[in-house]
N, C-alpha and C. Protein backbone atom coordinates (compact mmCIF):
# COMPACT_ATOMS: atom_id res chain seq x y z
N MET A 1 33.96 -98.30 -197.87
CA MET A 1 33.96 -96.92 -197.44
C MET A 1 35.31 -96.30 -197.80
N ASN A 2 35.32 -95.15 -198.47
CA ASN A 2 36.59 -94.54 -198.84
C ASN A 2 37.18 -93.77 -197.67
N ASP A 3 38.45 -93.36 -197.83
CA ASP A 3 39.16 -92.68 -196.74
C ASP A 3 38.46 -91.40 -196.30
N LEU A 4 37.96 -90.61 -197.24
CA LEU A 4 37.34 -89.33 -196.89
C LEU A 4 36.06 -89.55 -196.08
N SER A 5 35.26 -90.52 -196.45
CA SER A 5 34.03 -90.75 -195.69
C SER A 5 34.35 -91.26 -194.29
N GLN A 6 35.41 -92.06 -194.15
CA GLN A 6 35.84 -92.51 -192.83
C GLN A 6 36.22 -91.32 -191.96
N PHE A 7 36.96 -90.39 -192.55
CA PHE A 7 37.41 -89.20 -191.83
C PHE A 7 36.22 -88.35 -191.42
N LYS A 8 35.29 -88.12 -192.34
CA LYS A 8 34.11 -87.32 -192.02
C LYS A 8 33.30 -87.98 -190.92
N GLU A 9 33.16 -89.28 -190.98
CA GLU A 9 32.41 -90.00 -189.95
C GLU A 9 33.07 -89.83 -188.60
N ALA A 10 34.39 -89.86 -188.58
CA ALA A 10 35.12 -89.70 -187.32
C ALA A 10 34.89 -88.32 -186.73
N LEU A 11 34.79 -87.32 -187.57
CA LEU A 11 34.61 -85.96 -187.07
C LEU A 11 33.17 -85.62 -186.75
N LEU A 12 32.23 -86.24 -187.40
CA LEU A 12 30.86 -85.77 -187.30
C LEU A 12 29.90 -86.73 -186.62
N ASP A 13 30.38 -87.57 -185.77
CA ASP A 13 29.52 -88.47 -185.01
C ASP A 13 28.72 -87.65 -184.01
N ASN A 14 27.42 -87.61 -184.18
CA ASN A 14 26.54 -86.75 -183.38
C ASN A 14 26.64 -87.01 -181.87
N GLN A 15 26.63 -88.26 -181.46
CA GLN A 15 26.67 -88.57 -180.03
C GLN A 15 27.99 -88.14 -179.41
N SER A 16 29.09 -88.33 -180.13
CA SER A 16 30.39 -87.94 -179.59
C SER A 16 30.53 -86.43 -179.50
N ILE A 17 30.02 -85.73 -180.50
CA ILE A 17 30.05 -84.26 -180.44
C ILE A 17 29.20 -83.78 -179.27
N GLY A 18 28.04 -84.39 -179.10
CA GLY A 18 27.19 -84.04 -177.96
C GLY A 18 27.89 -84.28 -176.64
N GLN A 19 28.60 -85.39 -176.55
CA GLN A 19 29.37 -85.69 -175.34
C GLN A 19 30.43 -84.62 -175.10
N ASN A 20 31.12 -84.22 -176.17
CA ASN A 20 32.11 -83.14 -176.04
C ASN A 20 31.45 -81.85 -175.58
N MET A 21 30.28 -81.56 -176.13
CA MET A 21 29.57 -80.34 -175.73
C MET A 21 29.27 -80.37 -174.23
N MET A 22 28.82 -81.51 -173.75
CA MET A 22 28.51 -81.62 -172.33
C MET A 22 29.79 -81.47 -171.49
N ASN A 23 30.86 -82.12 -171.92
CA ASN A 23 32.11 -82.06 -171.16
C ASN A 23 32.67 -80.64 -171.09
N TYR A 24 32.72 -79.94 -172.24
CA TYR A 24 33.22 -78.57 -172.22
C TYR A 24 32.31 -77.67 -171.39
N ARG A 25 31.01 -77.86 -171.50
CA ARG A 25 30.07 -77.04 -170.72
C ARG A 25 30.32 -77.22 -169.23
N LYS A 26 30.48 -78.48 -168.81
CA LYS A 26 30.71 -78.75 -167.39
C LYS A 26 32.06 -78.23 -166.93
N LEU A 27 33.08 -78.38 -167.78
CA LEU A 27 34.41 -77.86 -167.43
C LEU A 27 34.38 -76.35 -167.23
N ARG A 28 33.52 -75.68 -167.96
CA ARG A 28 33.40 -74.23 -167.84
C ARG A 28 32.44 -73.81 -166.72
N GLY A 29 31.79 -74.79 -166.11
CA GLY A 29 30.85 -74.48 -165.02
C GLY A 29 29.57 -73.84 -165.50
N VAL A 30 29.17 -74.13 -166.73
CA VAL A 30 27.96 -73.56 -167.31
C VAL A 30 26.83 -74.58 -167.18
N LYS A 31 25.67 -74.12 -166.75
CA LYS A 31 24.50 -75.00 -166.65
C LYS A 31 23.84 -75.12 -168.02
N ALA A 32 23.22 -76.27 -168.24
CA ALA A 32 22.54 -76.52 -169.52
C ALA A 32 21.50 -75.45 -169.82
N ILE A 33 20.81 -75.02 -168.79
CA ILE A 33 19.76 -74.02 -169.00
C ILE A 33 20.35 -72.67 -169.44
N GLU A 34 21.53 -72.32 -168.91
CA GLU A 34 22.19 -71.08 -169.33
C GLU A 34 22.57 -71.14 -170.81
N LEU A 35 23.14 -72.27 -171.19
CA LEU A 35 23.57 -72.44 -172.57
C LEU A 35 22.37 -72.46 -173.51
N ALA A 36 21.31 -73.14 -173.09
CA ALA A 36 20.09 -73.19 -173.89
C ALA A 36 19.54 -71.77 -174.10
N PHE A 37 19.53 -70.97 -173.03
CA PHE A 37 19.05 -69.60 -173.12
C PHE A 37 19.88 -68.81 -174.13
N HIS A 38 21.21 -68.96 -174.06
CA HIS A 38 22.11 -68.28 -175.00
C HIS A 38 21.81 -68.69 -176.44
N LEU A 39 21.51 -69.97 -176.64
CA LEU A 39 21.23 -70.48 -177.98
C LEU A 39 19.80 -70.18 -178.44
N GLY A 40 18.96 -69.73 -177.52
CA GLY A 40 17.57 -69.40 -177.86
C GLY A 40 16.68 -70.62 -178.00
N ILE A 41 17.00 -71.66 -177.23
CA ILE A 41 16.20 -72.88 -177.26
C ILE A 41 15.88 -73.30 -175.83
N SER A 42 15.00 -74.27 -175.69
CA SER A 42 14.66 -74.75 -174.35
C SER A 42 15.79 -75.65 -173.83
N GLU A 43 15.80 -75.83 -172.51
CA GLU A 43 16.80 -76.72 -171.92
C GLU A 43 16.62 -78.15 -172.44
N ALA A 44 15.38 -78.58 -172.59
CA ALA A 44 15.10 -79.93 -173.11
C ALA A 44 15.66 -80.09 -174.52
N ALA A 45 15.48 -79.07 -175.36
CA ALA A 45 16.01 -79.12 -176.72
C ALA A 45 17.53 -79.18 -176.70
N TYR A 46 18.14 -78.38 -175.82
CA TYR A 46 19.60 -78.38 -175.73
C TYR A 46 20.13 -79.75 -175.28
N THR A 47 19.54 -80.33 -174.26
CA THR A 47 20.06 -81.60 -173.75
C THR A 47 19.92 -82.72 -174.79
N LYS A 48 18.99 -82.57 -175.72
CA LYS A 48 18.90 -83.54 -176.82
C LYS A 48 20.15 -83.46 -177.71
N TYR A 49 20.71 -82.28 -177.85
CA TYR A 49 21.97 -82.14 -178.59
C TYR A 49 23.08 -82.89 -177.85
N GLU A 50 23.16 -82.67 -176.55
CA GLU A 50 24.21 -83.32 -175.77
C GLU A 50 24.10 -84.84 -175.79
N ARG A 51 22.89 -85.34 -175.88
CA ARG A 51 22.68 -86.79 -175.93
C ARG A 51 22.81 -87.34 -177.35
N GLY A 52 22.98 -86.47 -178.32
CA GLY A 52 23.13 -86.90 -179.70
C GLY A 52 21.81 -87.29 -180.35
N GLU A 53 20.70 -86.84 -179.79
CA GLU A 53 19.38 -87.19 -180.31
C GLU A 53 18.91 -86.23 -181.40
N THR A 54 19.52 -85.06 -181.47
CA THR A 54 19.15 -84.05 -182.46
C THR A 54 20.39 -83.74 -183.30
N LYS A 55 20.20 -83.61 -184.60
CA LYS A 55 21.31 -83.32 -185.49
C LYS A 55 21.96 -81.99 -185.11
N ILE A 56 23.25 -82.02 -184.96
CA ILE A 56 24.02 -80.85 -184.55
C ILE A 56 24.52 -80.14 -185.81
N THR A 57 24.22 -78.86 -185.91
CA THR A 57 24.61 -78.09 -187.08
C THR A 57 25.90 -77.32 -186.82
N VAL A 58 26.55 -76.92 -187.90
CA VAL A 58 27.76 -76.11 -187.78
C VAL A 58 27.45 -74.79 -187.08
N GLU A 59 26.32 -74.19 -187.42
CA GLU A 59 25.93 -72.93 -186.78
C GLU A 59 25.78 -73.09 -185.27
N LEU A 60 25.16 -74.18 -184.85
CA LEU A 60 25.00 -74.43 -183.42
C LEU A 60 26.37 -74.58 -182.75
N ILE A 61 27.26 -75.30 -183.39
CA ILE A 61 28.60 -75.50 -182.82
C ILE A 61 29.32 -74.16 -182.69
N LYS A 62 29.20 -73.31 -183.70
CA LYS A 62 29.84 -71.98 -183.64
C LYS A 62 29.31 -71.18 -182.46
N ARG A 63 27.99 -71.13 -182.32
CA ARG A 63 27.38 -70.35 -181.23
C ARG A 63 27.72 -70.95 -179.86
N TYR A 64 27.69 -72.28 -179.78
CA TYR A 64 28.05 -72.99 -178.56
C TYR A 64 29.50 -72.67 -178.18
N ALA A 65 30.40 -72.84 -179.15
CA ALA A 65 31.84 -72.66 -178.89
C ALA A 65 32.14 -71.22 -178.46
N ASP A 66 31.44 -70.27 -179.04
CA ASP A 66 31.62 -68.88 -178.66
C ASP A 66 31.24 -68.68 -177.19
N TYR A 67 30.15 -69.28 -176.77
CA TYR A 67 29.67 -69.10 -175.40
C TYR A 67 30.58 -69.78 -174.37
N VAL A 68 31.05 -70.98 -174.67
CA VAL A 68 31.88 -71.70 -173.69
C VAL A 68 33.37 -71.43 -173.90
N GLN A 69 33.68 -70.56 -174.87
CA GLN A 69 35.05 -70.14 -175.14
C GLN A 69 35.97 -71.32 -175.44
N VAL A 70 35.59 -72.07 -176.47
CA VAL A 70 36.39 -73.19 -176.93
C VAL A 70 36.42 -73.14 -178.45
N ASP A 71 37.51 -73.56 -179.04
CA ASP A 71 37.63 -73.60 -180.49
C ASP A 71 36.64 -74.63 -181.04
N PRO A 72 35.83 -74.26 -182.03
CA PRO A 72 34.85 -75.21 -182.57
C PRO A 72 35.47 -76.52 -183.04
N ILE A 73 36.70 -76.48 -183.55
CA ILE A 73 37.33 -77.72 -184.01
C ILE A 73 37.56 -78.68 -182.85
N HIS A 74 37.72 -78.15 -181.66
CA HIS A 74 37.91 -79.00 -180.49
C HIS A 74 36.62 -79.76 -180.16
N VAL A 75 35.50 -79.13 -180.44
CA VAL A 75 34.22 -79.79 -180.20
C VAL A 75 34.04 -80.95 -181.20
N LEU A 76 34.55 -80.75 -182.41
CA LEU A 76 34.40 -81.76 -183.46
C LEU A 76 35.42 -82.89 -183.39
N THR A 77 36.51 -82.67 -182.68
CA THR A 77 37.54 -83.69 -182.58
C THR A 77 37.12 -84.64 -181.48
N ILE A 78 36.40 -85.67 -181.88
CA ILE A 78 35.65 -86.43 -180.91
C ILE A 78 36.20 -87.80 -180.57
N ARG A 79 36.85 -88.42 -181.49
CA ARG A 79 37.40 -89.74 -181.21
C ARG A 79 38.85 -89.75 -181.67
N PRO A 80 39.76 -89.18 -180.86
CA PRO A 80 41.15 -89.08 -181.28
C PRO A 80 41.73 -90.41 -181.72
N GLY A 81 41.37 -91.50 -181.07
CA GLY A 81 41.91 -92.80 -181.45
C GLY A 81 41.57 -93.15 -182.88
N GLN A 82 40.34 -92.89 -183.27
CA GLN A 82 39.93 -93.19 -184.64
C GLN A 82 40.65 -92.28 -185.63
N LEU A 83 40.80 -91.01 -185.29
CA LEU A 83 41.51 -90.11 -186.17
C LEU A 83 42.97 -90.51 -186.31
N ILE A 84 43.58 -90.91 -185.19
CA ILE A 84 44.98 -91.33 -185.24
C ILE A 84 45.13 -92.56 -186.13
N GLU A 85 44.20 -93.50 -186.01
CA GLU A 85 44.23 -94.68 -186.88
C GLU A 85 44.13 -94.26 -188.35
N TYR A 86 43.24 -93.34 -188.63
CA TYR A 86 43.05 -92.86 -189.99
C TYR A 86 44.36 -92.27 -190.52
N PHE A 87 44.99 -91.41 -189.71
CA PHE A 87 46.23 -90.79 -190.13
C PHE A 87 47.36 -91.79 -190.26
N TYR A 88 47.38 -92.77 -189.39
CA TYR A 88 48.39 -93.81 -189.46
C TYR A 88 48.27 -94.59 -190.77
N GLU A 89 47.04 -94.91 -191.15
CA GLU A 89 46.82 -95.60 -192.42
C GLU A 89 47.29 -94.74 -193.59
N LEU A 90 47.02 -93.45 -193.54
CA LEU A 90 47.50 -92.56 -194.60
C LEU A 90 49.02 -92.52 -194.63
N GLU A 91 49.63 -92.48 -193.47
CA GLU A 91 51.09 -92.43 -193.39
C GLU A 91 51.70 -93.69 -194.00
N LYS A 92 51.09 -94.84 -193.73
CA LYS A 92 51.61 -96.09 -194.28
C LYS A 92 51.59 -96.06 -195.81
N ARG A 93 50.68 -95.27 -196.37
CA ARG A 93 50.55 -95.19 -197.82
C ARG A 93 51.02 -93.84 -198.34
N LYS A 94 51.97 -93.19 -197.66
CA LYS A 94 52.35 -91.82 -198.00
C LYS A 94 52.84 -91.66 -199.43
N VAL A 95 53.31 -92.72 -200.05
CA VAL A 95 53.73 -92.64 -201.44
C VAL A 95 52.55 -92.23 -202.32
N GLN A 96 51.33 -92.62 -201.94
CA GLN A 96 50.14 -92.32 -202.72
C GLN A 96 49.60 -90.91 -202.46
N MET A 97 50.12 -90.24 -201.44
CA MET A 97 49.62 -88.91 -201.10
C MET A 97 50.41 -87.86 -201.85
N ASP A 98 49.70 -86.85 -202.36
CA ASP A 98 50.42 -85.74 -202.96
C ASP A 98 50.79 -84.74 -201.85
N SER A 99 51.55 -83.74 -202.20
CA SER A 99 52.05 -82.80 -201.18
C SER A 99 50.91 -82.03 -200.51
N LYS A 100 49.84 -81.70 -201.25
CA LYS A 100 48.71 -80.98 -200.65
C LYS A 100 48.02 -81.84 -199.60
N GLN A 101 47.83 -83.11 -199.92
CA GLN A 101 47.19 -84.01 -198.96
C GLN A 101 48.06 -84.15 -197.72
N PHE A 102 49.36 -84.29 -197.93
CA PHE A 102 50.26 -84.46 -196.79
C PHE A 102 50.28 -83.20 -195.93
N ASP A 103 50.30 -82.02 -196.57
CA ASP A 103 50.25 -80.76 -195.82
C ASP A 103 48.96 -80.64 -195.02
N ALA A 104 47.85 -81.05 -195.63
CA ALA A 104 46.56 -81.01 -194.93
C ALA A 104 46.59 -81.95 -193.73
N LEU A 105 47.18 -83.11 -193.91
CA LEU A 105 47.32 -84.07 -192.81
C LEU A 105 48.12 -83.45 -191.66
N LEU A 106 49.23 -82.83 -191.99
CA LEU A 106 50.04 -82.19 -190.94
C LEU A 106 49.27 -81.10 -190.22
N GLU A 107 48.50 -80.32 -190.95
CA GLU A 107 47.71 -79.25 -190.33
C GLU A 107 46.66 -79.82 -189.38
N ILE A 108 46.01 -80.89 -189.79
CA ILE A 108 45.01 -81.52 -188.93
C ILE A 108 45.67 -82.08 -187.68
N LEU A 109 46.85 -82.67 -187.83
CA LEU A 109 47.56 -83.19 -186.66
C LEU A 109 47.95 -82.06 -185.71
N ARG A 110 48.34 -80.92 -186.26
CA ARG A 110 48.64 -79.75 -185.40
C ARG A 110 47.40 -79.31 -184.64
N GLU A 111 46.25 -79.28 -185.34
CA GLU A 111 44.99 -78.92 -184.69
C GLU A 111 44.65 -79.90 -183.57
N LEU A 112 44.89 -81.17 -183.83
CA LEU A 112 44.63 -82.20 -182.83
C LEU A 112 45.52 -82.01 -181.61
N LYS A 113 46.79 -81.68 -181.85
CA LYS A 113 47.71 -81.42 -180.74
C LYS A 113 47.24 -80.19 -179.96
N ASP A 114 46.87 -79.14 -180.66
CA ASP A 114 46.37 -77.93 -179.99
C ASP A 114 45.12 -78.25 -179.17
N SER A 115 44.26 -79.08 -179.73
CA SER A 115 43.04 -79.49 -179.03
C SER A 115 43.39 -80.20 -177.74
N ASN A 116 44.33 -81.11 -177.81
CA ASN A 116 44.75 -81.84 -176.61
C ASN A 116 45.36 -80.90 -175.58
N ASP A 117 46.18 -79.95 -176.04
CA ASP A 117 46.79 -78.99 -175.12
C ASP A 117 45.72 -78.14 -174.43
N THR A 118 44.72 -77.71 -175.19
CA THR A 118 43.64 -76.91 -174.62
C THR A 118 42.85 -77.73 -173.60
N LEU A 119 42.56 -78.97 -173.96
CA LEU A 119 41.82 -79.83 -173.04
C LEU A 119 42.59 -80.04 -171.74
N LYS A 120 43.90 -80.23 -171.84
CA LYS A 120 44.73 -80.37 -170.63
C LYS A 120 44.62 -79.12 -169.76
N SER A 121 44.67 -77.95 -170.39
CA SER A 121 44.57 -76.69 -169.64
C SER A 121 43.21 -76.57 -168.96
N LEU A 122 42.14 -76.93 -169.68
CA LEU A 122 40.81 -76.86 -169.09
C LEU A 122 40.68 -77.81 -167.91
N ILE A 123 41.25 -78.99 -168.02
CA ILE A 123 41.20 -79.96 -166.93
C ILE A 123 41.97 -79.43 -165.73
N LYS A 124 43.15 -78.86 -165.97
CA LYS A 124 43.94 -78.28 -164.88
C LYS A 124 43.17 -77.17 -164.17
N GLU A 125 42.50 -76.29 -164.97
CA GLU A 125 41.71 -75.22 -164.39
C GLU A 125 40.57 -75.76 -163.54
N ALA A 126 39.95 -76.83 -164.01
CA ALA A 126 38.82 -77.42 -163.29
C ALA A 126 39.26 -78.07 -161.99
N ILE A 127 40.46 -78.62 -161.98
CA ILE A 127 40.96 -79.32 -160.79
C ILE A 127 41.42 -78.34 -159.73
N VAL A 128 42.04 -77.25 -160.15
CA VAL A 128 42.60 -76.27 -159.21
C VAL A 128 41.57 -75.45 -158.56
């Protein structure tokens, strides 16, 4: 498996994205039926997305993220440990990376940090 496919797999794991969708929905205090109504689908169809049983599309993520007021990239950042491992491996081989690849890596790491900061804020809001 090449590096790019590993990265895509880390970002696009259906079950993990579904888990994130459920977590953000609950943190926002939104019921599954409300979200399903907003998306124009049944509650049963929506919960299949959360369980990772139905393929999640980019369009669905955009509409979902708009409703729960979360950055779509945060929904896709699903296994930080795996992403960090991926980036660590790239860093170990930084001599092989060109400047564009390295800049892209830095941008993704910034997004990951922003995602973590947002998640911390959402957790604080939910606790208070």
